[in-house]
Amino acid sequence: MDKNKNYAALKKFAIAQGISLFGVADIQGIKSDFKLSEKSLVKLDKAVCLGLRLAQGILDEISCAPTRLYFHHYRTVNASLDQTALRIANFIQNKGFRTLPIPASIILDWENQKAHLSHKKLGVLAGLGWIGRNNLLVNKKLGSQFRLVTILTDMPLKTDTQTKDDCGACRLCVKICPAEAIKESPGDFDHLKCFEKLKDFQKQKLVDQYICGVCVNACKGK
């Protein structure tokens, strides 16, 4: 089958489901990094990366801490992504190919921020953006104001090119981070400081999950 035609058909279907960002990455050289069984990954060589935009009005409510409104929105968007990934996975399966949809938000190790795979790193490979100083995927138009989900598949698909963009001179997230975890270099992001602040927000009963949203609100794109 033609990988370009498959890509176009899949992207059209995804956008019809309300998806904001769409990209495809080659995963043949990185599958060993995934926390998934070798059996489940056999022949799967592509990752379909999908992003769904967050509501600006809800993010605007955030100043120096997460809100109950953001917490509810965060879960709603994740659930929507999971449902959309299921529909897209079935679309692919109905074409005769294998799929393995990975949920938008299942963390295996909160302290080290590890999951079955890194949606944001696959997003980089799929051309959706770059890893910013805030340790999140940053898209040129949407900033970090979106959530991600991934579908692994063996469907023949063309792959996207990684962007050469970066955060440039923008340091809004550095200035506003309540944990002071964001540094000049993305590689120096302090995961432990971030995690401690997330635990503090939960102890204060601001939210019922380890989330923040402060740097997400600050990163609006260009």
Protein backbone atom coordinates (compact mmCIF):
# COMPACT_ATOMS: atom_id res chain seq x y z
CA MET A 1 0.00 0.00 0.00
CA ASP A 2 1.10 3.56 -0.66
CA LYS A 3 2.50 5.08 2.54
CA ASN A 4 1.70 8.63 1.39
CA LYS A 5 -1.95 7.77 0.67
CA ASN A 6 -2.23 5.96 4.00
CA TYR A 7 -0.80 9.00 5.78
CA ALA A 8 -3.19 11.40 4.06
CA ALA A 9 -6.23 9.20 4.80
CA LEU A 10 -5.25 8.72 8.42
CA LYS A 11 -4.55 12.40 8.99
CA LYS A 12 -7.89 13.35 7.41
CA PHE A 13 -9.70 10.90 9.70
CA ALA A 14 -7.83 12.17 12.77
CA ILE A 15 -8.59 15.81 12.04
CA ALA A 16 -12.26 14.89 11.52
CA GLN A 17 -12.16 13.54 15.09
CA GLY A 18 -11.09 16.98 16.36
CA ILE A 19 -7.35 16.34 16.66
CA SER A 20 -5.19 19.49 16.70
CA LEU A 21 -1.77 17.97 15.96
CA PHE A 22 -0.87 14.95 13.82
CA GLY A 23 2.51 13.42 13.04
CA VAL A 24 4.16 10.06 12.39
CA ALA A 25 7.52 8.88 13.73
CA ASP A 26 9.74 5.89 12.88
CA ILE A 27 10.33 3.88 16.08
CA GLN A 28 12.46 1.01 14.78
CA GLY A 29 15.58 2.20 16.59
CA ILE A 30 14.00 3.17 19.92
CA LYS A 31 11.57 0.38 20.81
CA SER A 32 13.97 -0.93 23.44
CA ASP A 33 13.27 2.24 25.44
CA PHE A 34 9.58 1.40 25.77
CA LYS A 35 8.16 -0.29 28.88
CA LEU A 36 6.26 -2.79 26.74
CA SER A 37 6.72 -6.48 25.98
CA GLU A 38 8.77 -7.50 22.97
CA LYS A 39 5.85 -9.64 21.81
CA SER A 40 3.50 -6.66 21.64
CA LEU A 41 6.03 -4.62 19.68
CA VAL A 42 6.82 -7.19 16.99
CA LYS A 43 6.52 -5.59 13.52
CA LEU A 44 5.26 -2.29 14.95
CA ASP A 45 7.55 0.30 13.40
CA LYS A 46 5.58 3.56 13.37
CA ALA A 47 4.13 5.84 16.03
CA VAL A 48 1.12 7.98 15.17
CA CYS A 49 1.35 11.00 17.47
CA LEU A 50 -1.79 13.02 18.19
CA GLY A 51 -2.26 16.27 20.09
CA LEU A 52 -5.44 17.88 21.41
CA ARG A 53 -5.45 21.56 22.31
CA LEU A 54 -6.29 22.71 25.83
CA ALA A 55 -8.85 25.46 26.44
CA GLN A 56 -7.18 28.86 26.77
CA GLY A 57 -9.88 30.17 29.08
CA ILE A 58 -9.25 27.41 31.61
CA LEU A 59 -5.48 27.92 31.45
CA ASP A 60 -5.98 31.66 32.02
CA GLU A 61 -7.39 30.81 35.46
CA ILE A 62 -3.98 29.47 36.50
CA SER A 63 -1.53 31.87 38.15
CA CYS A 64 0.94 30.25 40.57
CA ALA A 65 -0.84 26.94 41.23
CA PRO A 66 -3.24 24.51 39.51
CA THR A 67 -7.00 24.97 39.83
CA ARG A 68 -9.84 22.49 40.27
CA LEU A 69 -11.12 23.64 36.89
CA TYR A 70 -7.80 22.78 35.24
CA PHE A 71 -7.71 19.41 37.00
CA HIS A 72 -11.12 18.49 35.58
CA HIS A 73 -10.18 19.79 32.12
CA TYR A 74 -6.89 17.85 32.20
CA ARG A 75 -8.72 14.58 32.86
CA THR A 76 -11.41 15.36 30.29
CA VAL A 77 -8.87 16.04 27.54
CA ASN A 78 -6.93 12.88 28.40
CA ALA A 79 -10.13 10.83 28.24
CA SER A 80 -11.06 12.43 24.93
CA LEU A 81 -7.62 11.59 23.53
CA ASP A 82 -7.94 7.98 24.65
CA GLN A 83 -11.35 7.67 23.01
CA THR A 84 -10.05 9.27 19.82
CA ALA A 85 -7.01 6.99 19.80
CA LEU A 86 -9.35 4.00 20.06
CA ARG A 87 -11.36 5.17 17.06
CA ILE A 88 -8.22 5.80 15.03
CA ALA A 89 -6.73 2.46 16.07
CA ASN A 90 -9.91 0.74 14.88
CA PHE A 91 -9.73 2.70 11.61
CA ILE A 92 -6.21 1.28 11.10
CA GLN A 93 -7.21 -2.24 12.18
CA ASN A 94 -10.11 -2.22 9.75
CA LYS A 95 -7.53 -1.65 7.03
CA GLY A 96 -5.85 -4.90 8.08
CA PHE A 97 -2.98 -3.58 10.24
CA ARG A 98 -1.97 -4.00 13.88
CA THR A 99 -2.22 -1.24 16.46
CA LEU A 100 -1.21 -0.60 20.05
CA PRO A 101 -2.78 2.59 21.45
CA ILE A 102 -0.92 3.99 24.47
CA PRO A 103 -3.10 6.03 26.88
CA ALA A 104 -2.54 9.75 27.22
CA SER A 105 -1.70 9.62 30.92
CA ILE A 106 -0.60 6.45 32.70
CA ILE A 107 2.51 7.04 34.79
CA LEU A 108 4.50 4.02 35.99
CA ASP A 109 7.01 6.02 38.07
CA TRP A 110 5.94 9.51 39.16
CA GLU A 111 9.21 10.48 40.83
CA ASN A 112 11.21 9.81 37.67
CA GLN A 113 8.29 10.70 35.36
CA LYS A 114 8.39 7.38 33.49
CA ALA A 115 5.56 5.84 31.48
CA HIS A 116 5.19 3.02 28.94
CA LEU A 117 6.79 5.42 26.50
CA SER A 118 7.40 9.15 26.18
CA HIS A 119 4.65 10.81 24.16
CA LYS A 120 6.63 14.03 24.04
CA LYS A 121 9.83 12.41 22.75
CA LEU A 122 7.86 10.65 20.04
CA GLY A 123 6.22 14.00 19.31
CA VAL A 124 9.68 15.42 18.63
CA LEU A 125 10.44 12.58 16.21
CA ALA A 126 7.05 13.12 14.55
CA GLY A 127 7.80 16.79 13.89
CA LEU A 128 5.23 18.19 16.32
CA GLY A 129 7.71 20.35 18.20
CA TRP A 130 10.75 20.35 20.47
CA ILE A 131 11.49 19.74 24.15
CA GLY A 132 11.41 23.15 25.79
CA ARG A 133 13.01 24.50 28.92
CA ASN A 134 9.83 23.46 30.74
CA ASN A 135 10.59 19.80 29.91
CA LEU A 136 7.42 19.64 27.81
CA LEU A 137 6.85 19.29 24.09
CA VAL A 138 6.54 22.79 22.62
CA ASN A 139 4.74 23.36 19.33
CA LYS A 140 5.42 26.50 17.30
CA LYS A 141 1.73 27.51 17.16
CA LEU A 142 0.29 26.01 20.35
CA GLY A 143 3.23 26.27 22.72
CA SER A 144 2.76 23.55 25.38
CA GLN A 145 -1.00 24.02 25.54
CA PHE A 146 -2.02 20.55 24.38
CA ARG A 147 -2.08 16.93 25.53
CA LEU A 148 -0.72 13.91 23.64
CA VAL A 149 -1.59 10.30 22.85
CA THR A 150 0.23 7.72 20.74
CA ILE A 151 -0.77 4.76 18.56
CA LEU A 152 1.92 2.25 17.56
CA THR A 153 1.24 0.46 14.28
CA ASP A 154 2.67 -1.52 11.39
CA MET A 155 0.62 0.41 8.83
CA PRO A 156 2.89 1.70 6.03
CA LEU A 157 3.08 5.44 6.63
CA LYS A 158 5.41 8.20 5.58
CA THR A 159 7.19 9.84 8.51
CA ASP A 160 7.47 13.50 9.42
CA THR A 161 10.63 15.57 9.69
CA GLN A 162 11.84 16.91 13.02
CA THR A 163 11.64 20.66 13.46
CA LYS A 164 14.74 22.79 13.94
CA ASP A 165 12.84 25.34 16.06
CA ASP A 166 13.55 25.89 19.75
CA CYS A 167 12.51 28.20 22.58
CA GLY A 168 14.90 30.92 21.42
CA ALA A 169 14.96 33.89 23.78
CA CYS A 170 11.68 33.00 25.52
CA ARG A 171 12.09 32.30 29.23
CA LEU A 172 8.56 32.90 30.51
CA CYS A 173 8.37 29.42 32.02
CA VAL A 174 11.69 29.90 33.84
CA LYS A 175 10.44 33.04 35.56
CA ILE A 176 7.04 31.66 36.57
CA CYS A 177 7.85 28.09 37.69
CA PRO A 178 6.66 27.77 41.33
CA ALA A 179 9.22 25.01 41.99
CA GLU A 180 12.15 26.82 40.35
CA ALA A 181 12.72 23.55 38.49
CA ILE A 182 13.09 25.10 35.02
CA LYS A 183 16.61 26.11 34.07
CA GLU A 184 18.36 27.75 31.14
CA SER A 185 18.97 24.43 29.40
CA PRO A 186 16.16 21.89 28.86
CA GLY A 187 18.59 19.18 29.93
CA ASP A 188 18.97 20.77 33.37
CA PHE A 189 15.28 20.56 34.27
CA ASP A 190 15.03 19.52 37.93
CA HIS A 191 12.58 16.58 37.98
CA LEU A 192 12.76 16.17 41.76
CA LYS A 193 11.97 19.82 42.51
CA CYS A 194 9.03 19.60 40.13
CA PHE A 195 7.77 16.39 41.74
CA GLU A 196 8.04 17.84 45.25
CA LYS A 197 5.94 20.82 44.20
CA LEU A 198 3.35 18.52 42.62
CA LYS A 199 3.11 16.59 45.89
CA ASP A 200 2.71 19.88 47.75
CA PHE A 201 -0.19 20.94 45.50
CA GLN A 202 -1.87 17.61 46.17
CA LYS A 203 -1.33 17.89 49.94
CA GLN A 204 -2.98 21.31 49.81
CA LYS A 205 -5.93 19.54 48.11
CA LEU A 206 -5.73 21.93 45.17
CA VAL A 207 -5.92 18.93 42.84
CA ASP A 208 -6.23 15.16 43.24
CA GLN A 209 -3.40 14.25 40.88
CA TYR A 210 0.22 15.27 40.38
CA ILE A 211 -0.33 18.13 37.94
CA CYS A 212 0.55 21.82 37.86
CA GLY A 213 -0.18 23.73 34.63
CA VAL A 214 1.67 26.93 35.52
CA CYS A 215 4.32 26.59 32.80
CA VAL A 216 1.71 25.25 30.38
CA ASN A 217 -0.24 28.48 30.76
CA ALA A 218 2.93 30.53 30.23
CA CYS A 219 3.92 28.68 27.03
CA LYS A 220 1.47 30.00 24.43
CA GLY A 221 3.50 29.53 21.25
CA LYS A 222 4.21 32.17 18.63
